[in-house]
Structure formats: structure tokens, C-alpha cells
Amino acid sequence: MEIANRITVDEKVRFGKPVIKGTRVPVDLIMGKLAGGMTYEEVMAEYDIEREDILAALDYAARHLSDEEVRAVG
């Protein structure tokens, strides 16, 4: 099931984690690689995905973070 542009979930693929459509590459893996310093080009070559896939993963992650609430306890 496509849950966002270029992002799908299927309980039979990566335990239902969001992945790049048509692959087994999870969105969180892409975020981790970029956060670890890999360039778009390195991620694209390593996982055989396109720039648009990376941008879709970033958009998906940003949307989910925008819904997150953090409450200070003190």
C-alpha cells in the first residue's frame, strides 16, 4: 500500500516498515545514512535508488516529525 509519494508499506516486506516503492530499502535506513554523512549520490549508488526516492523519504520523515509532540517534564 502506498502511504506517501514513492513510499509503501507491506507487512511481508521489512515487517511493515515504510520502504521506497519497489524496493526493500526502509525510509529510516536512508535517514540514518544521510545523518551519518553519506551524500545523496553515495546512498543512490549503494541502494540503487533515485534522487526522487531520497527526497520522498525526507518528506515522509519531515511530515511524521511535524506531528510529534514532546513534553518537558521537570
N, C-alpha and C. Protein backbone atom coordinates (compact mmCIF):
# COMPACT_ATOMS: atom_id res chain seq x y z
N MET A 1 0.84 -1.17 0.00
CA MET A 1 0.00 0.00 0.00
C MET A 1 0.90 1.24 0.00
N GLU A 2 0.61 2.15 -0.92
CA GLU A 2 1.38 3.40 -0.99
C GLU A 2 0.83 4.37 0.05
N ILE A 3 1.68 4.78 0.99
CA ILE A 3 1.24 5.68 2.06
C ILE A 3 1.69 7.11 1.84
N ALA A 4 2.60 7.30 0.90
CA ALA A 4 3.08 8.63 0.53
C ALA A 4 3.73 8.48 -0.85
N ASN A 5 4.03 9.59 -1.47
CA ASN A 5 4.69 9.54 -2.77
C ASN A 5 5.96 8.70 -2.69
N ARG A 6 6.02 7.60 -3.44
CA ARG A 6 7.17 6.71 -3.54
C ARG A 6 7.45 5.90 -2.28
N ILE A 7 6.57 5.94 -1.29
CA ILE A 7 6.75 5.22 -0.03
C ILE A 7 5.61 4.22 0.14
N THR A 8 5.96 2.96 0.43
CA THR A 8 4.93 1.93 0.61
C THR A 8 5.16 1.17 1.91
N VAL A 9 4.12 0.48 2.34
CA VAL A 9 4.22 -0.46 3.45
C VAL A 9 3.54 -1.75 3.04
N ASP A 10 4.13 -2.84 3.48
CA ASP A 10 3.59 -4.17 3.23
C ASP A 10 4.08 -5.03 4.38
N GLU A 11 3.17 -5.65 5.10
CA GLU A 11 3.57 -6.44 6.27
C GLU A 11 4.54 -7.56 5.91
N LYS A 12 4.61 -7.95 4.65
CA LYS A 12 5.52 -9.01 4.22
C LYS A 12 6.89 -8.48 3.81
N VAL A 13 7.04 -7.16 3.79
CA VAL A 13 8.32 -6.54 3.41
C VAL A 13 8.84 -5.73 4.59
N ARG A 14 9.98 -6.14 5.10
CA ARG A 14 10.63 -5.44 6.21
C ARG A 14 9.69 -5.22 7.39
N PHE A 15 8.86 -6.24 7.66
CA PHE A 15 7.95 -6.22 8.82
C PHE A 15 6.99 -5.04 8.82
N GLY A 16 6.63 -4.56 7.63
CA GLY A 16 5.67 -3.47 7.53
C GLY A 16 6.25 -2.08 7.70
N LYS A 17 7.58 -1.96 7.72
CA LYS A 17 8.20 -0.64 7.83
C LYS A 17 8.03 0.11 6.51
N PRO A 18 7.96 1.43 6.55
CA PRO A 18 7.90 2.20 5.30
C PRO A 18 9.18 2.02 4.49
N VAL A 19 9.02 1.68 3.22
CA VAL A 19 10.15 1.46 2.33
C VAL A 19 9.96 2.25 1.03
N ILE A 20 11.03 2.39 0.29
CA ILE A 20 10.95 3.00 -1.03
C ILE A 20 10.18 2.05 -1.94
N LYS A 21 9.21 2.57 -2.64
CA LYS A 21 8.35 1.76 -3.51
C LYS A 21 9.19 0.91 -4.46
N GLY A 22 8.85 -0.39 -4.52
CA GLY A 22 9.53 -1.31 -5.42
C GLY A 22 10.86 -1.83 -4.91
N THR A 23 11.20 -1.49 -3.64
CA THR A 23 12.47 -1.93 -3.05
C THR A 23 12.20 -2.49 -1.65
N ARG A 24 13.27 -2.91 -1.00
CA ARG A 24 13.21 -3.31 0.40
C ARG A 24 14.01 -2.30 1.25
N VAL A 25 14.23 -1.10 0.71
CA VAL A 25 15.05 -0.08 1.38
C VAL A 25 14.16 0.75 2.29
N PRO A 26 14.33 0.61 3.62
CA PRO A 26 13.50 1.36 4.57
C PRO A 26 13.84 2.86 4.61
N VAL A 27 12.82 3.65 4.85
CA VAL A 27 12.99 5.10 4.98
C VAL A 27 13.97 5.42 6.10
N ASP A 28 13.87 4.73 7.23
CA ASP A 28 14.76 5.04 8.35
C ASP A 28 16.22 4.73 8.03
N LEU A 29 16.48 3.76 7.18
CA LEU A 29 17.85 3.46 6.76
C LEU A 29 18.42 4.63 5.96
N ILE A 30 17.62 5.17 5.05
CA ILE A 30 18.06 6.31 4.25
C ILE A 30 18.35 7.50 5.16
N MET A 31 17.47 7.75 6.13
CA MET A 31 17.70 8.87 7.05
C MET A 31 19.00 8.67 7.83
N GLY A 32 19.22 7.47 8.28
CA GLY A 32 20.44 7.17 9.04
C GLY A 32 21.70 7.35 8.22
N LYS A 33 21.66 6.92 6.98
CA LYS A 33 22.84 7.06 6.11
C LYS A 33 23.13 8.53 5.83
N LEU A 34 22.09 9.31 5.56
CA LEU A 34 22.30 10.75 5.32
C LEU A 34 22.80 11.42 6.59
N ALA A 35 22.22 11.08 7.73
CA ALA A 35 22.65 11.66 9.01
C ALA A 35 24.08 11.28 9.33
N GLY A 36 24.50 10.10 8.87
CA GLY A 36 25.86 9.64 9.10
C GLY A 36 26.89 10.25 8.17
N GLY A 37 26.43 11.07 7.22
CA GLY A 37 27.35 11.78 6.37
C GLY A 37 27.43 11.32 4.92
N MET A 38 26.69 10.28 4.56
CA MET A 38 26.70 9.86 3.16
C MET A 38 26.02 10.92 2.30
N THR A 39 26.49 11.07 1.09
CA THR A 39 25.88 12.01 0.16
C THR A 39 24.70 11.33 -0.53
N TYR A 40 23.87 12.15 -1.16
CA TYR A 40 22.77 11.58 -1.94
C TYR A 40 23.32 10.58 -2.95
N GLU A 41 24.39 10.95 -3.63
CA GLU A 41 24.96 10.11 -4.67
C GLU A 41 25.44 8.77 -4.10
N GLU A 42 26.05 8.80 -2.92
CA GLU A 42 26.51 7.56 -2.30
C GLU A 42 25.34 6.67 -1.92
N VAL A 43 24.29 7.25 -1.36
CA VAL A 43 23.11 6.48 -0.98
C VAL A 43 22.44 5.90 -2.23
N MET A 44 22.34 6.71 -3.28
CA MET A 44 21.73 6.25 -4.52
C MET A 44 22.50 5.06 -5.09
N ALA A 45 23.81 5.14 -5.10
CA ALA A 45 24.64 4.06 -5.64
C ALA A 45 24.58 2.81 -4.76
N GLU A 46 24.63 3.00 -3.46
CA GLU A 46 24.64 1.88 -2.51
C GLU A 46 23.34 1.08 -2.54
N TYR A 47 22.21 1.77 -2.69
CA TYR A 47 20.91 1.10 -2.57
C TYR A 47 20.11 1.09 -3.87
N ASP A 48 20.73 1.53 -4.95
CA ASP A 48 20.10 1.53 -6.28
C ASP A 48 18.74 2.22 -6.25
N ILE A 49 18.74 3.44 -5.72
CA ILE A 49 17.53 4.25 -5.70
C ILE A 49 17.81 5.58 -6.40
N GLU A 50 16.76 6.36 -6.63
CA GLU A 50 16.89 7.63 -7.33
C GLU A 50 16.83 8.80 -6.36
N ARG A 51 17.27 9.95 -6.83
CA ARG A 51 17.23 11.17 -6.02
C ARG A 51 15.81 11.45 -5.53
N GLU A 52 14.83 11.22 -6.39
CA GLU A 52 13.43 11.44 -6.02
C GLU A 52 13.01 10.54 -4.86
N ASP A 53 13.60 9.34 -4.78
CA ASP A 53 13.31 8.44 -3.66
C ASP A 53 13.83 9.02 -2.35
N ILE A 54 15.02 9.58 -2.39
CA ILE A 54 15.60 10.20 -1.19
C ILE A 54 14.75 11.39 -0.77
N LEU A 55 14.37 12.21 -1.73
CA LEU A 55 13.54 13.37 -1.41
C LEU A 55 12.19 12.94 -0.84
N ALA A 56 11.63 11.87 -1.36
CA ALA A 56 10.36 11.36 -0.84
C ALA A 56 10.53 10.85 0.59
N ALA A 57 11.65 10.20 0.86
CA ALA A 57 11.93 9.72 2.22
C ALA A 57 12.08 10.88 3.19
N LEU A 58 12.78 11.92 2.76
CA LEU A 58 12.93 13.12 3.60
C LEU A 58 11.59 13.78 3.87
N ASP A 59 10.76 13.87 2.85
CA ASP A 59 9.44 14.46 3.01
C ASP A 59 8.59 13.64 3.97
N TYR A 60 8.62 12.32 3.81
CA TYR A 60 7.86 11.44 4.69
C TYR A 60 8.30 11.61 6.15
N ALA A 61 9.61 11.61 6.37
CA ALA A 61 10.14 11.76 7.72
C ALA A 61 9.77 13.12 8.31
N ALA A 62 9.87 14.16 7.51
CA ALA A 62 9.53 15.51 7.99
C ALA A 62 8.07 15.60 8.39
N ARG A 63 7.20 15.00 7.61
CA ARG A 63 5.77 15.03 7.94
C ARG A 63 5.48 14.32 9.25
N HIS A 64 6.16 13.20 9.47
CA HIS A 64 5.93 12.47 10.71
C HIS A 64 6.50 13.20 11.92
N LEU A 65 7.62 13.85 11.74
CA LEU A 65 8.19 14.62 12.85
C LEU A 65 7.35 15.84 13.18
N SER A 66 6.70 16.40 12.18
CA SER A 66 5.88 17.59 12.44
C SER A 66 4.67 17.26 13.31
N ASP A 67 4.27 16.00 13.35
CA ASP A 67 3.14 15.56 14.17
C ASP A 67 3.57 15.17 15.59
N GLU A 68 4.87 15.04 15.80
CA GLU A 68 5.37 14.58 17.09
C GLU A 68 5.27 15.68 18.14
N GLU A 69 4.84 15.29 19.34
CA GLU A 69 4.78 16.22 20.47
C GLU A 69 5.75 15.77 21.54
N VAL A 70 6.54 16.71 22.02
CA VAL A 70 7.49 16.43 23.09
C VAL A 70 7.09 17.29 24.28
N ARG A 71 6.94 16.67 25.42
CA ARG A 71 6.55 17.42 26.61
C ARG A 71 7.67 17.41 27.62
N ALA A 72 8.01 18.58 28.09
CA ALA A 72 9.05 18.70 29.10
C ALA A 72 8.49 18.28 30.45
N VAL A 73 9.25 17.46 31.13
CA VAL A 73 8.87 17.02 32.47
C VAL A 73 9.93 17.53 33.42
N GLY A 74 9.50 18.21 34.44
CA GLY A 74 10.53 18.78 35.29
C GLY A 74 10.11 19.06 36.63
